[in-house]
Amino acid sequence: MPLCFLLFDRAETADGHAALEGLASTGPLQHAAAMAEVQQVLDWAHQAFPQGPGPLDEGHDWDHDLQVREEPGGWRTVTLTLAASAAFAQAFEAAFPTDEGA
C-alpha cells in the first residue's frame, strides 16, 4: 500500500520499541488526500493489530498521536506519530514500503 503524501521515519527507543513518524505538508487541494492516508494507516493498524491503540507499557502493540497545523498560505502540516512494538513496526514497514534503497 504505497503512500504518496505521508513520509515516515523510524527511530528506535531505549525500551526496544519503535517510533514511526509520518509527515505530510500539503496545500489546500491535497489536504483531504493526506488525511485519507492517515485514515488508511490507522485502519490498517486497527485491523492488523487490534491490541491497540494504547500505551505499549500496558501491553498494547501500538499507540498514535495526530497533529494538524495550519501554515501560512493555506498549507497544512500533518504529523502522525506511532509508538510501536517491534512486531508492529516490522509489519508496518512491510505494508507501507518506502522507495529508500531502490
C-alpha atoms as a PDB file:
ATOM      1  CA  MET A   1       0.000   0.000   0.000  1.00  0.00           C
ATOM      2  CA  PRO A   2       2.133   2.896  -1.163  1.00  0.00           C
ATOM      3  CA  LEU A   3       1.702   6.283   0.479  1.00  0.00           C
ATOM      4  CA  CYS A   4       2.004   9.420  -1.652  1.00  0.00           C
ATOM      5  CA  PHE A   5       1.840  12.191   0.947  1.00  0.00           C
ATOM      6  CA  LEU A   6       2.932  10.772   4.311  1.00  0.00           C
ATOM      7  CA  LEU A   7       6.663  10.138   4.597  1.00  0.00           C
ATOM      8  CA  PHE A   8       7.659   8.010   7.601  1.00  0.00           C
ATOM      9  CA  ASP A   9      10.897   7.896   9.566  1.00  0.00           C
ATOM     10  CA  ARG A  10      11.655   5.200  12.126  1.00  0.00           C
ATOM     11  CA  ALA A  11      13.576   5.644  15.349  1.00  0.00           C
ATOM     12  CA  GLU A  12      14.324   3.029  17.993  1.00  0.00           C
ATOM     13  CA  THR A  13      13.526   3.879  21.599  1.00  0.00           C
ATOM     14  CA  ALA A  14      15.572   2.936  24.663  1.00  0.00           C
ATOM     15  CA  ASP A  15      12.955   0.384  25.728  1.00  0.00           C
ATOM     16  CA  GLY A  16      13.172  -1.593  22.476  1.00  0.00           C
ATOM     17  CA  HIS A  17      10.107  -0.123  20.836  1.00  0.00           C
ATOM     18  CA  ALA A  18       9.940   1.968  17.681  1.00  0.00           C
ATOM     19  CA  ALA A  19       8.669   5.446  16.952  1.00  0.00           C
ATOM     20  CA  LEU A  20       7.289   5.866  13.437  1.00  0.00           C
ATOM     21  CA  GLU A  21       6.731   9.491  12.499  1.00  0.00           C
ATOM     22  CA  GLY A  22       4.820  10.348   9.346  1.00  0.00           C
ATOM     23  CA  LEU A  23       4.835  13.863   7.979  1.00  0.00           C
ATOM     24  CA  ALA A  24       2.929  15.495   5.128  1.00  0.00           C
ATOM     25  CA  SER A  25       2.861  19.145   4.128  1.00  0.00           C
ATOM     26  CA  THR A  26       0.160  19.936   1.613  1.00  0.00           C
ATOM     27  CA  GLY A  27      -1.691  22.771   0.010  1.00  0.00           C
ATOM     28  CA  PRO A  28      -5.454  23.106   0.410  1.00  0.00           C
ATOM     29  CA  LEU A  29      -6.255  20.881  -2.583  1.00  0.00           C
ATOM     30  CA  GLN A  30      -4.179  17.929  -1.315  1.00  0.00           C
ATOM     31  CA  HIS A  31      -5.080  18.076   2.383  1.00  0.00           C
ATOM     32  CA  ALA A  32      -8.029  15.689   2.062  1.00  0.00           C
ATOM     33  CA  ALA A  33      -5.803  13.136   0.304  1.00  0.00           C
ATOM     34  CA  ALA A  34      -3.190  13.400   3.058  1.00  0.00           C
ATOM     35  CA  MET A  35      -5.856  12.868   5.699  1.00  0.00           C
ATOM     36  CA  ALA A  36      -7.173   9.874   3.733  1.00  0.00           C
ATOM     37  CA  GLU A  37      -3.683   8.366   4.013  1.00  0.00           C
ATOM     38  CA  VAL A  38      -3.735   8.958   7.772  1.00  0.00           C
ATOM     39  CA  GLN A  39      -7.044   7.096   7.909  1.00  0.00           C
ATOM     40  CA  GLN A  40      -5.629   4.306   5.716  1.00  0.00           C
ATOM     41  CA  VAL A  41      -2.707   3.820   8.128  1.00  0.00           C
ATOM     42  CA  LEU A  42      -4.964   3.873  11.195  1.00  0.00           C
ATOM     43  CA  ASP A  43      -7.464   1.474   9.600  1.00  0.00           C
ATOM     44  CA  TRP A  44      -4.607  -0.926   8.801  1.00  0.00           C
ATOM     45  CA  ALA A  45      -3.279  -0.639  12.363  1.00  0.00           C
ATOM     46  CA  HIS A  46      -6.686  -1.371  13.901  1.00  0.00           C
ATOM     47  CA  GLN A  47      -7.204  -4.371  11.622  1.00  0.00           C
ATOM     48  CA  ALA A  48      -3.700  -5.855  11.751  1.00  0.00           C
ATOM     49  CA  PHE A  49      -3.060  -5.147  15.458  1.00  0.00           C
ATOM     50  CA  PRO A  50      -6.351  -4.973  17.350  1.00  0.00           C
ATOM     51  CA  GLN A  51      -4.386  -4.865  20.622  1.00  0.00           C
ATOM     52  CA  GLY A  52      -4.168  -1.096  20.267  1.00  0.00           C
ATOM     53  CA  PRO A  53      -4.200   1.776  20.358  1.00  0.00           C
ATOM     54  CA  GLY A  54      -2.980   2.174  23.879  1.00  0.00           C
ATOM     55  CA  PRO A  55       0.169   2.519  25.972  1.00  0.00           C
ATOM     56  CA  LEU A  56       2.839  -0.005  24.998  1.00  0.00           C
ATOM     57  CA  ASP A  57       3.882  -0.459  28.616  1.00  0.00           C
ATOM     58  CA  GLU A  58       0.353  -1.741  29.306  1.00  0.00           C
ATOM     59  CA  GLY A  59       0.657  -4.465  26.651  1.00  0.00           C
ATOM     60  CA  HIS A  60      -0.722  -2.684  23.603  1.00  0.00           C
ATOM     61  CA  ASP A  61       1.001  -3.148  20.235  1.00  0.00           C
ATOM     62  CA  TRP A  62       0.728   0.479  19.170  1.00  0.00           C
ATOM     63  CA  ASP A  63      -0.479   3.952  20.013  1.00  0.00           C
ATOM     64  CA  HIS A  64      -0.715   7.145  17.995  1.00  0.00           C
ATOM     65  CA  ASP A  65      -0.765  10.919  18.099  1.00  0.00           C
ATOM     66  CA  LEU A  66      -2.100  13.062  15.247  1.00  0.00           C
ATOM     67  CA  GLN A  67      -1.292  16.757  14.869  1.00  0.00           C
ATOM     68  CA  VAL A  68      -2.575  19.036  12.109  1.00  0.00           C
ATOM     69  CA  ARG A  69      -1.111  22.516  11.911  1.00  0.00           C
ATOM     70  CA  GLU A  70      -2.235  25.392   9.676  1.00  0.00           C
ATOM     71  CA  GLU A  71       0.642  27.145   7.939  1.00  0.00           C
ATOM     72  CA  PRO A  72       0.783  30.457   6.048  1.00  0.00           C
ATOM     73  CA  GLY A  73      -0.688  30.404   2.563  1.00  0.00           C
ATOM     74  CA  GLY A  74      -3.251  27.694   3.354  1.00  0.00           C
ATOM     75  CA  TRP A  75      -0.665  24.934   3.743  1.00  0.00           C
ATOM     76  CA  ARG A  76      -1.246  22.279   6.378  1.00  0.00           C
ATOM     77  CA  THR A  77       1.318  20.094   8.083  1.00  0.00           C
ATOM     78  CA  VAL A  78       0.078  16.700   9.237  1.00  0.00           C
ATOM     79  CA  THR A  79       2.169  14.678  11.689  1.00  0.00           C
ATOM     80  CA  LEU A  80       1.154  11.118  12.581  1.00  0.00           C
ATOM     81  CA  THR A  81       3.352   9.558  15.253  1.00  0.00           C
ATOM     82  CA  LEU A  82       3.032   5.864  16.016  1.00  0.00           C
ATOM     83  CA  ALA A  83       4.548   4.279  19.106  1.00  0.00           C
ATOM     84  CA  ALA A  84       5.065   0.679  18.054  1.00  0.00           C
ATOM     85  CA  SER A  85       6.128  -2.721  19.269  1.00  0.00           C
ATOM     86  CA  ALA A  86       8.890  -4.350  17.228  1.00  0.00           C
ATOM     87  CA  ALA A  87       6.329  -6.646  15.574  1.00  0.00           C
ATOM     88  CA  PHE A  88       4.075  -3.714  14.665  1.00  0.00           C
ATOM     89  CA  ALA A  89       6.984  -1.709  13.210  1.00  0.00           C
ATOM     90  CA  GLN A  90       8.121  -4.655  11.087  1.00  0.00           C
ATOM     91  CA  ALA A  91       4.603  -5.299   9.783  1.00  0.00           C
ATOM     92  CA  PHE A  92       4.093  -1.572   9.157  1.00  0.00           C
ATOM     93  CA  GLU A  93       7.239  -1.361   7.029  1.00  0.00           C
ATOM     94  CA  ALA A  94       6.104  -4.396   5.028  1.00  0.00           C
ATOM     95  CA  ALA A  95       2.615  -2.943   4.494  1.00  0.00           C
ATOM     96  CA  PHE A  96       3.840   0.583   3.652  1.00  0.00           C
ATOM     97  CA  PRO A  97       7.211   0.183   1.893  1.00  0.00           C
ATOM     98  CA  THR A  98       9.314   3.206   1.045  1.00  0.00           C
ATOM     99  CA  ASP A  99      11.427   3.858  -2.029  1.00  0.00           C
ATOM    100  CA  GLU A 100      14.617   4.010   0.056  1.00  0.00           C
ATOM    101  CA  GLY A 101      17.304   1.811  -1.319  1.00  0.00           C
ATOM    102  CA  ALA A 102      15.517   1.346  -4.637  1.00  0.00           C
END
